[in-house]
Amino acid sequence: MSELATTLGRNIRETRKKNGFSQDAFALAAGIDRSYIGRVERGEVNITVEKLYEIAAVLQCEPTFLLPDQTTLEPEGHKPAKSG
């Protein structure tokens, strides 16, 4: 799992819960399979931009609200320099 997918999934889950949606109700409202929503929220899949917009529309927020702050993510394959 990538850090981006994991953080995006966590943001979607938190926003869904704040909006009072169960996972089943949210999946139904979004027209997306519940098991897929679960995989998204666990960061197991990379979603398309189209799905991100569909999810944001149901959550009544801007898609960018769900995206993690890029300054907090490490680039893929980047290993911090060892000190010492």
PDB file of N, CA and C in Angstrom:
ATOM      1  N   MET A   1       0.840  -1.183   0.000  1.00  0.00           N
ATOM      2  CA  MET A   1       0.000   0.000   0.000  1.00  0.00           C
ATOM      3  C   MET A   1       0.882   1.241   0.000  1.00  0.00           C
ATOM      4  N   SER A   2       0.510   2.195  -0.812  1.00  0.00           N
ATOM      5  CA  SER A   2       1.269   3.433  -0.819  1.00  0.00           C
ATOM      6  C   SER A   2       0.761   4.352   0.285  1.00  0.00           C
ATOM      7  N   GLU A   3       1.634   5.207   0.726  1.00  0.00           N
ATOM      8  CA  GLU A   3       1.259   6.169   1.772  1.00  0.00           C
ATOM      9  C   GLU A   3       0.141   7.086   1.279  1.00  0.00           C
ATOM     10  N   LEU A   4       0.181   7.436  -0.014  1.00  0.00           N
ATOM     11  CA  LEU A   4      -0.852   8.292  -0.591  1.00  0.00           C
ATOM     12  C   LEU A   4      -2.220   7.612  -0.525  1.00  0.00           C
ATOM     13  N   ALA A   5      -2.299   6.366  -0.970  1.00  0.00           N
ATOM     14  CA  ALA A   5      -3.579   5.638  -0.962  1.00  0.00           C
ATOM     15  C   ALA A   5      -4.084   5.439   0.459  1.00  0.00           C
ATOM     16  N   THR A   6      -3.181   5.135   1.376  1.00  0.00           N
ATOM     17  CA  THR A   6      -3.569   4.921   2.772  1.00  0.00           C
ATOM     18  C   THR A   6      -4.120   6.201   3.393  1.00  0.00           C
ATOM     19  N   THR A   7      -3.448   7.310   3.169  1.00  0.00           N
ATOM     20  CA  THR A   7      -3.886   8.587   3.743  1.00  0.00           C
ATOM     21  C   THR A   7      -5.185   9.061   3.094  1.00  0.00           C
ATOM     22  N   LEU A   8      -5.298   8.911   1.788  1.00  0.00           N
ATOM     23  CA  LEU A   8      -6.535   9.275   1.100  1.00  0.00           C
ATOM     24  C   LEU A   8      -7.699   8.444   1.641  1.00  0.00           C
ATOM     25  N   GLY A   9      -7.493   7.156   1.794  1.00  0.00           N
ATOM     26  CA  GLY A   9      -8.536   6.281   2.326  1.00  0.00           C
ATOM     27  C   GLY A   9      -8.963   6.675   3.728  1.00  0.00           C
ATOM     28  N   ARG A  10      -7.992   7.004   4.557  1.00  0.00           N
ATOM     29  CA  ARG A  10      -8.300   7.432   5.927  1.00  0.00           C
ATOM     30  C   ARG A  10      -9.106   8.732   5.911  1.00  0.00           C
ATOM     31  N   ASN A  11      -8.738   9.664   5.026  1.00  0.00           N
ATOM     32  CA  ASN A  11      -9.476  10.927   4.923  1.00  0.00           C
ATOM     33  C   ASN A  11     -10.913  10.695   4.462  1.00  0.00           C
ATOM     34  N   ILE A  12     -11.092   9.788   3.519  1.00  0.00           N
ATOM     35  CA  ILE A  12     -12.436   9.470   3.044  1.00  0.00           C
ATOM     36  C   ILE A  12     -13.255   8.858   4.179  1.00  0.00           C
ATOM     37  N   ARG A  13     -12.680   7.907   4.909  1.00  0.00           N
ATOM     38  CA  ARG A  13     -13.394   7.258   6.011  1.00  0.00           C
ATOM     39  C   ARG A  13     -13.797   8.276   7.075  1.00  0.00           C
ATOM     40  N   GLU A  14     -12.858   9.139   7.470  1.00  0.00           N
ATOM     41  CA  GLU A  14     -13.150  10.132   8.505  1.00  0.00           C
ATOM     42  C   GLU A  14     -14.249  11.092   8.061  1.00  0.00           C
ATOM     43  N   THR A  15     -14.204  11.521   6.812  1.00  0.00           N
ATOM     44  CA  THR A  15     -15.213  12.445   6.304  1.00  0.00           C
ATOM     45  C   THR A  15     -16.560  11.745   6.188  1.00  0.00           C
ATOM     46  N   ARG A  16     -16.558  10.504   5.743  1.00  0.00           N
ATOM     47  CA  ARG A  16     -17.800   9.724   5.650  1.00  0.00           C
ATOM     48  C   ARG A  16     -18.458   9.628   7.017  1.00  0.00           C
ATOM     49  N   LYS A  17     -17.668   9.285   8.033  1.00  0.00           N
ATOM     50  CA  LYS A  17     -18.213   9.137   9.387  1.00  0.00           C
ATOM     51  C   LYS A  17     -18.711  10.471   9.940  1.00  0.00           C
ATOM     52  N   LYS A  18     -17.971  11.559   9.682  1.00  0.00           N
ATOM     53  CA  LYS A  18     -18.410  12.885  10.146  1.00  0.00           C
ATOM     54  C   LYS A  18     -19.739  13.279   9.509  1.00  0.00           C
ATOM     55  N   ASN A  19     -19.970  12.794   8.290  1.00  0.00           N
ATOM     56  CA  ASN A  19     -21.219  13.085   7.593  1.00  0.00           C
ATOM     57  C   ASN A  19     -22.325  12.108   7.961  1.00  0.00           C
ATOM     58  N   GLY A  20     -22.049  11.178   8.874  1.00  0.00           N
ATOM     59  CA  GLY A  20     -23.071  10.274   9.385  1.00  0.00           C
ATOM     60  C   GLY A  20     -23.426   9.103   8.486  1.00  0.00           C
ATOM     61  N   PHE A  21     -22.556   8.792   7.534  1.00  0.00           N
ATOM     62  CA  PHE A  21     -22.809   7.668   6.640  1.00  0.00           C
ATOM     63  C   PHE A  21     -22.205   6.385   7.195  1.00  0.00           C
ATOM     64  N   SER A  22     -22.980   5.314   7.177  1.00  0.00           N
ATOM     65  CA  SER A  22     -22.376   3.996   7.354  1.00  0.00           C
ATOM     66  C   SER A  22     -21.687   3.677   6.028  1.00  0.00           C
ATOM     67  N   GLN A  23     -20.827   2.698   6.038  1.00  0.00           N
ATOM     68  CA  GLN A  23     -20.158   2.328   4.795  1.00  0.00           C
ATOM     69  C   GLN A  23     -21.176   1.842   3.753  1.00  0.00           C
ATOM     70  N   ASP A  24     -22.170   1.081   4.185  1.00  0.00           N
ATOM     71  CA  ASP A  24     -23.204   0.586   3.270  1.00  0.00           C
ATOM     72  C   ASP A  24     -24.009   1.734   2.662  1.00  0.00           C
ATOM     73  N   ALA A  25     -24.459   2.662   3.499  1.00  0.00           N
ATOM     74  CA  ALA A  25     -25.257   3.790   3.016  1.00  0.00           C
ATOM     75  C   ALA A  25     -24.437   4.673   2.079  1.00  0.00           C
ATOM     76  N   PHE A  26     -23.173   4.864   2.412  1.00  0.00           N
ATOM     77  CA  PHE A  26     -22.306   5.681   1.570  1.00  0.00           C
ATOM     78  C   PHE A  26     -22.102   5.023   0.210  1.00  0.00           C
ATOM     79  N   ALA A  27     -21.836   3.731   0.207  1.00  0.00           N
ATOM     80  CA  ALA A  27     -21.629   3.011  -1.051  1.00  0.00           C
ATOM     81  C   ALA A  27     -22.872   3.100  -1.925  1.00  0.00           C
ATOM     82  N   LEU A  28     -24.044   2.953  -1.316  1.00  0.00           N
ATOM     83  CA  LEU A  28     -25.301   3.043  -2.058  1.00  0.00           C
ATOM     84  C   LEU A  28     -25.482   4.443  -2.650  1.00  0.00           C
ATOM     85  N   ALA A  29     -25.229   5.478  -1.850  1.00  0.00           N
ATOM     86  CA  ALA A  29     -25.386   6.857  -2.314  1.00  0.00           C
ATOM     87  C   ALA A  29     -24.403   7.193  -3.433  1.00  0.00           C
ATOM     88  N   ALA A  30     -23.197   6.614  -3.357  1.00  0.00           N
ATOM     89  CA  ALA A  30     -22.163   6.889  -4.357  1.00  0.00           C
ATOM     90  C   ALA A  30     -22.289   6.006  -5.586  1.00  0.00           C
ATOM     91  N   GLY A  31     -23.100   4.938  -5.492  1.00  0.00           N
ATOM     92  CA  GLY A  31     -23.216   4.004  -6.609  1.00  0.00           C
ATOM     93  C   GLY A  31     -21.956   3.194  -6.816  1.00  0.00           C
ATOM     94  N   ILE A  32     -21.275   2.920  -5.706  1.00  0.00           N
ATOM     95  CA  ILE A  32     -20.013   2.171  -5.734  1.00  0.00           C
ATOM     96  C   ILE A  32     -20.174   0.954  -4.835  1.00  0.00           C
ATOM     97  N   ASP A  33     -19.646  -0.179  -5.255  1.00  0.00           N
ATOM     98  CA  ASP A  33     -19.746  -1.402  -4.466  1.00  0.00           C
ATOM     99  C   ASP A  33     -19.156  -1.202  -3.074  1.00  0.00           C
ATOM    100  N   ARG A  34     -19.842  -1.709  -2.040  1.00  0.00           N
ATOM    101  CA  ARG A  34     -19.401  -1.531  -0.665  1.00  0.00           C
ATOM    102  C   ARG A  34     -18.025  -2.130  -0.426  1.00  0.00           C
ATOM    103  N   SER A  35     -17.748  -3.281  -1.011  1.00  0.00           N
ATOM    104  CA  SER A  35     -16.438  -3.899  -0.791  1.00  0.00           C
ATOM    105  C   SER A  35     -15.322  -3.049  -1.404  1.00  0.00           C
ATOM    106  N   TYR A  36     -15.631  -2.381  -2.509  1.00  0.00           N
ATOM    107  CA  TYR A  36     -14.645  -1.496  -3.125  1.00  0.00           C
ATOM    108  C   TYR A  36     -14.383  -0.291  -2.222  1.00  0.00           C
ATOM    109  N   ILE A  37     -15.448   0.278  -1.653  1.00  0.00           N
ATOM    110  CA  ILE A  37     -15.284   1.406  -0.719  1.00  0.00           C
ATOM    111  C   ILE A  37     -14.393   0.981   0.447  1.00  0.00           C
ATOM    112  N   GLY A  38     -14.614  -0.221   0.954  1.00  0.00           N
ATOM    113  CA  GLY A  38     -13.778  -0.727   2.041  1.00  0.00           C
ATOM    114  C   GLY A  38     -12.315  -0.807   1.643  1.00  0.00           C
ATOM    115  N   ARG A  39     -12.061  -1.269   0.429  1.00  0.00           N
ATOM    116  CA  ARG A  39     -10.682  -1.356  -0.054  1.00  0.00           C
ATOM    117  C   ARG A  39     -10.065   0.024  -0.233  1.00  0.00           C
ATOM    118  N   VAL A  40     -10.872   0.977  -0.695  1.00  0.00           N
ATOM    119  CA  VAL A  40     -10.397   2.359  -0.838  1.00  0.00           C
ATOM    120  C   VAL A  40     -10.026   2.917   0.535  1.00  0.00           C
ATOM    121  N   GLU A  41     -10.910   2.733   1.499  1.00  0.00           N
ATOM    122  CA  GLU A  41     -10.678   3.287   2.836  1.00  0.00           C
ATOM    123  C   GLU A  41      -9.478   2.642   3.528  1.00  0.00           C
ATOM    124  N   ARG A  42      -9.160   1.415   3.177  1.00  0.00           N
ATOM    125  CA  ARG A  42      -7.970   0.750   3.736  1.00  0.00           C
ATOM    126  C   ARG A  42      -6.709   1.049   2.942  1.00  0.00           C
ATOM    127  N   GLY A  43      -6.841   1.802   1.852  1.00  0.00           N
ATOM    128  CA  GLY A  43      -5.675   2.165   1.039  1.00  0.00           C
ATOM    129  C   GLY A  43      -5.169   1.026   0.182  1.00  0.00           C
ATOM    130  N   GLU A  44      -6.026   0.073  -0.126  1.00  0.00           N
ATOM    131  CA  GLU A  44      -5.614  -1.099  -0.898  1.00  0.00           C
ATOM    132  C   GLU A  44      -5.696  -0.894  -2.404  1.00  0.00           C
ATOM    133  N   VAL A  45      -6.368   0.161  -2.836  1.00  0.00           N
ATOM    134  CA  VAL A  45      -6.501   0.445  -4.266  1.00  0.00           C
ATOM    135  C   VAL A  45      -6.222   1.915  -4.525  1.00  0.00           C
ATOM    136  N   ASN A  46      -5.770   2.186  -5.728  1.00  0.00           N
ATOM    137  CA  ASN A  46      -5.613   3.568  -6.176  1.00  0.00           C
ATOM    138  C   ASN A  46      -6.850   3.913  -6.984  1.00  0.00           C
ATOM    139  N   ILE A  47      -7.566   4.928  -6.556  1.00  0.00           N
ATOM    140  CA  ILE A  47      -8.810   5.275  -7.233  1.00  0.00           C
ATOM    141  C   ILE A  47      -8.540   6.233  -8.387  1.00  0.00           C
ATOM    142  N   THR A  48      -9.468   6.276  -9.327  1.00  0.00           N
ATOM    143  CA  THR A  48      -9.353   7.204 -10.441  1.00  0.00           C
ATOM    144  C   THR A  48      -9.795   8.590  -9.992  1.00  0.00           C
ATOM    145  N   VAL A  49      -9.445   9.577 -10.773  1.00  0.00           N
ATOM    146  CA  VAL A  49      -9.877  10.943 -10.492  1.00  0.00           C
ATOM    147  C   VAL A  49     -11.399  11.010 -10.548  1.00  0.00           C
ATOM    148  N   GLU A  50     -11.988  10.288 -11.488  1.00  0.00           N
ATOM    149  CA  GLU A  50     -13.445  10.267 -11.613  1.00  0.00           C
ATOM    150  C   GLU A  50     -14.093   9.752 -10.326  1.00  0.00           C
ATOM    151  N   LYS A  51     -13.567   8.652  -9.756  1.00  0.00           N
ATOM    152  CA  LYS A  51     -14.114   8.111  -8.503  1.00  0.00           C
ATOM    153  C   LYS A  51     -13.924   9.102  -7.365  1.00  0.00           C
ATOM    154  N   LEU A  52     -12.779   9.773  -7.334  1.00  0.00           N
ATOM    155  CA  LEU A  52     -12.532  10.764  -6.291  1.00  0.00           C
ATOM    156  C   LEU A  52     -13.597  11.858  -6.337  1.00  0.00           C
ATOM    157  N   TYR A  53     -13.935  12.317  -7.522  1.00  0.00           N
ATOM    158  CA  TYR A  53     -14.957  13.356  -7.666  1.00  0.00           C
ATOM    159  C   TYR A  53     -16.334  12.829  -7.270  1.00  0.00           C
ATOM    160  N   GLU A  54     -16.647  11.585  -7.619  1.00  0.00           N
ATOM    161  CA  GLU A  54     -17.931  10.988  -7.235  1.00  0.00           C
ATOM    162  C   GLU A  54     -18.035  10.887  -5.712  1.00  0.00           C
ATOM    163  N   ILE A  55     -16.965  10.444  -5.076  1.00  0.00           N
ATOM    164  CA  ILE A  55     -16.937  10.311  -3.624  1.00  0.00           C
ATOM    165  C   ILE A  55     -17.084  11.680  -2.965  1.00  0.00           C
ATOM    166  N   ALA A  56     -16.341  12.662  -3.465  1.00  0.00           N
ATOM    167  CA  ALA A  56     -16.405  14.018  -2.902  1.00  0.00           C
ATOM    168  C   ALA A  56     -17.803  14.616  -3.056  1.00  0.00           C
ATOM    169  N   ALA A  57     -18.458  14.338  -4.163  1.00  0.00           N
ATOM    170  CA  ALA A  57     -19.804  14.879  -4.379  1.00  0.00           C
ATOM    171  C   ALA A  57     -20.770  14.342  -3.332  1.00  0.00           C
ATOM    172  N   VAL A  58     -20.702  13.061  -3.042  1.00  0.00           N
ATOM    173  CA  VAL A  58     -21.586  12.470  -2.032  1.00  0.00           C
ATOM    174  C   VAL A  58     -21.240  13.022  -0.648  1.00  0.00           C
ATOM    175  N   LEU A  59     -19.962  13.243  -0.396  1.00  0.00           N
ATOM    176  CA  LEU A  59     -19.529  13.773   0.899  1.00  0.00           C
ATOM    177  C   LEU A  59     -19.681  15.296   0.983  1.00  0.00           C
ATOM    178  N   GLN A  60     -20.117  15.908  -0.099  1.00  0.00           N
ATOM    179  CA  GLN A  60     -20.344  17.345  -0.170  1.00  0.00           C
ATOM    180  C   GLN A  60     -19.108  18.143   0.226  1.00  0.00           C
ATOM    181  N   CYS A  61     -17.995  17.774  -0.413  1.00  0.00           N
ATOM    182  CA  CYS A  61     -16.751  18.502  -0.193  1.00  0.00           C
ATOM    183  C   CYS A  61     -15.992  18.567  -1.515  1.00  0.00           C
ATOM    184  N   GLU A  62     -14.985  19.386  -1.545  1.00  0.00           N
ATOM    185  CA  GLU A  62     -14.118  19.456  -2.714  1.00  0.00           C
ATOM    186  C   GLU A  62     -13.201  18.227  -2.718  1.00  0.00           C
ATOM    187  N   PRO A  63     -12.894  17.687  -3.885  1.00  0.00           N
ATOM    188  CA  PRO A  63     -11.982  16.537  -3.939  1.00  0.00           C
ATOM    189  C   PRO A  63     -10.640  16.821  -3.258  1.00  0.00           C
ATOM    190  N   THR A  64     -10.152  18.045  -3.383  1.00  0.00           N
ATOM    191  CA  THR A  64      -8.874  18.388  -2.770  1.00  0.00           C
ATOM    192  C   THR A  64      -8.902  18.287  -1.247  1.00  0.00           C
ATOM    193  N   PHE A  65     -10.092  18.422  -0.648  1.00  0.00           N
ATOM    194  CA  PHE A  65     -10.228  18.283   0.801  1.00  0.00           C
ATOM    195  C   PHE A  65      -9.849  16.874   1.252  1.00  0.00           C
ATOM    196  N   LEU A  66     -10.079  15.886   0.397  1.00  0.00           N
ATOM    197  CA  LEU A  66      -9.803  14.486   0.740  1.00  0.00           C
ATOM    198  C   LEU A  66      -8.350  14.095   0.502  1.00  0.00           C
ATOM    199  N   LEU A  67      -7.659  14.865  -0.331  1.00  0.00           N
ATOM    200  CA  LEU A  67      -6.272  14.531  -0.657  1.00  0.00           C
ATOM    201  C   LEU A  67      -5.334  14.906   0.474  1.00  0.00           C
ATOM    202  N   PRO A  68      -4.315  14.080   0.714  1.00  0.00           N
ATOM    203  CA  PRO A  68      -3.340  14.433   1.751  1.00  0.00           C
ATOM    204  C   PRO A  68      -2.469  15.606   1.312  1.00  0.00           C
ATOM    205  N   ASP A  69      -1.950  16.312   2.277  1.00  0.00           N
ATOM    206  CA  ASP A  69      -1.007  17.394   2.026  1.00  0.00           C
ATOM    207  C   ASP A  69       0.275  16.773   1.479  1.00  0.00           C
ATOM    208  N   GLN A  70       0.667  17.164   0.287  1.00  0.00           N
ATOM    209  CA  GLN A  70       1.825  16.524  -0.346  1.00  0.00           C
ATOM    210  C   GLN A  70       3.128  16.741   0.418  1.00  0.00           C
ATOM    211  N   THR A  71       3.196  17.768   1.243  1.00  0.00           N
ATOM    212  CA  THR A  71       4.428  18.012   1.997  1.00  0.00           C
ATOM    213  C   THR A  71       4.630  16.982   3.105  1.00  0.00           C
ATOM    214  N   THR A  72       3.565  16.239   3.457  1.00  0.00           N
ATOM    215  CA  THR A  72       3.703  15.244   4.517  1.00  0.00           C
ATOM    216  C   THR A  72       4.013  13.852   3.971  1.00  0.00           C
ATOM    217  N   LEU A  73       3.990  13.709   2.643  1.00  0.00           N
ATOM    218  CA  LEU A  73       4.236  12.402   2.035  1.00  0.00           C
ATOM    219  C   LEU A  73       5.668  12.313   1.535  1.00  0.00           C
ATOM    220  N   GLU A  74       6.275  11.161   1.727  1.00  0.00           N
ATOM    221  CA  GLU A  74       7.608  10.927   1.172  1.00  0.00           C
ATOM    222  C   GLU A  74       7.447  10.403  -0.245  1.00  0.00           C
ATOM    223  N   PRO A  75       8.295  10.852  -1.166  1.00  0.00           N
ATOM    224  CA  PRO A  75       8.218  10.340  -2.526  1.00  0.00           C
ATOM    225  C   PRO A  75       8.415   8.817  -2.533  1.00  0.00           C
ATOM    226  N   GLU A  76       7.704   8.125  -3.450  1.00  0.00           N
ATOM    227  CA  GLU A  76       7.840   6.677  -3.567  1.00  0.00           C
ATOM    228  C   GLU A  76       9.308   6.325  -3.839  1.00  0.00           C
ATOM    229  N   GLY A  77       9.790   5.327  -3.164  1.00  0.00           N
ATOM    230  CA  GLY A  77      11.157   4.850  -3.364  1.00  0.00           C
ATOM    231  C   GLY A  77      12.212   5.708  -2.698  1.00  0.00           C
ATOM    232  N   HIS A  78      11.800   6.778  -2.026  1.00  0.00           N
ATOM    233  CA  HIS A  78      12.749   7.669  -1.372  1.00  0.00           C
ATOM    234  C   HIS A  78      13.087   7.117  -0.001  1.00  0.00           C
ATOM    235  N   LYS A  79      14.383   7.001   0.267  1.00  0.00           N
ATOM    236  CA  LYS A  79      14.821   6.571   1.575  1.00  0.00           C
ATOM    237  C   LYS A  79      15.565   7.724   2.238  1.00  0.00           C
ATOM    238  N   PRO A  80      15.146   8.063   3.450  1.00  0.00           N
ATOM    239  CA  PRO A  80      15.846   9.164   4.132  1.00  0.00           C
ATOM    240  C   PRO A  80      17.310   8.840   4.330  1.00  0.00           C
ATOM    241  N   ALA A  81      18.147   9.872   4.279  1.00  0.00           N
ATOM    242  CA  ALA A  81      19.583   9.682   4.494  1.00  0.00           C
ATOM    243  C   ALA A  81      19.831   9.253   5.929  1.00  0.00           C
ATOM    244  N   LYS A  82      20.752   8.335   6.071  1.00  0.00           N
ATOM    245  CA  LYS A  82      21.119   7.877   7.414  1.00  0.00           C
ATOM    246  C   LYS A  82      22.078   8.874   8.033  1.00  0.00           C
ATOM    247  N   SER A  83      21.823   9.173   9.287  1.00  0.00           N
ATOM    248  CA  SER A  83      22.732  10.091   9.986  1.00  0.00           C
ATOM    249  C   SER A  83      23.725   9.284  10.796  1.00  0.00           C
ATOM    250  N   GLY A  84      24.865   9.861  11.010  1.00  0.00           N
ATOM    251  CA  GLY A  84      25.819   9.207  11.885  1.00  0.00           C
ATOM    252  C   GLY A  84      26.998   8.812  11.212  1.00  0.00           C
TER     253      GLY A  84
END
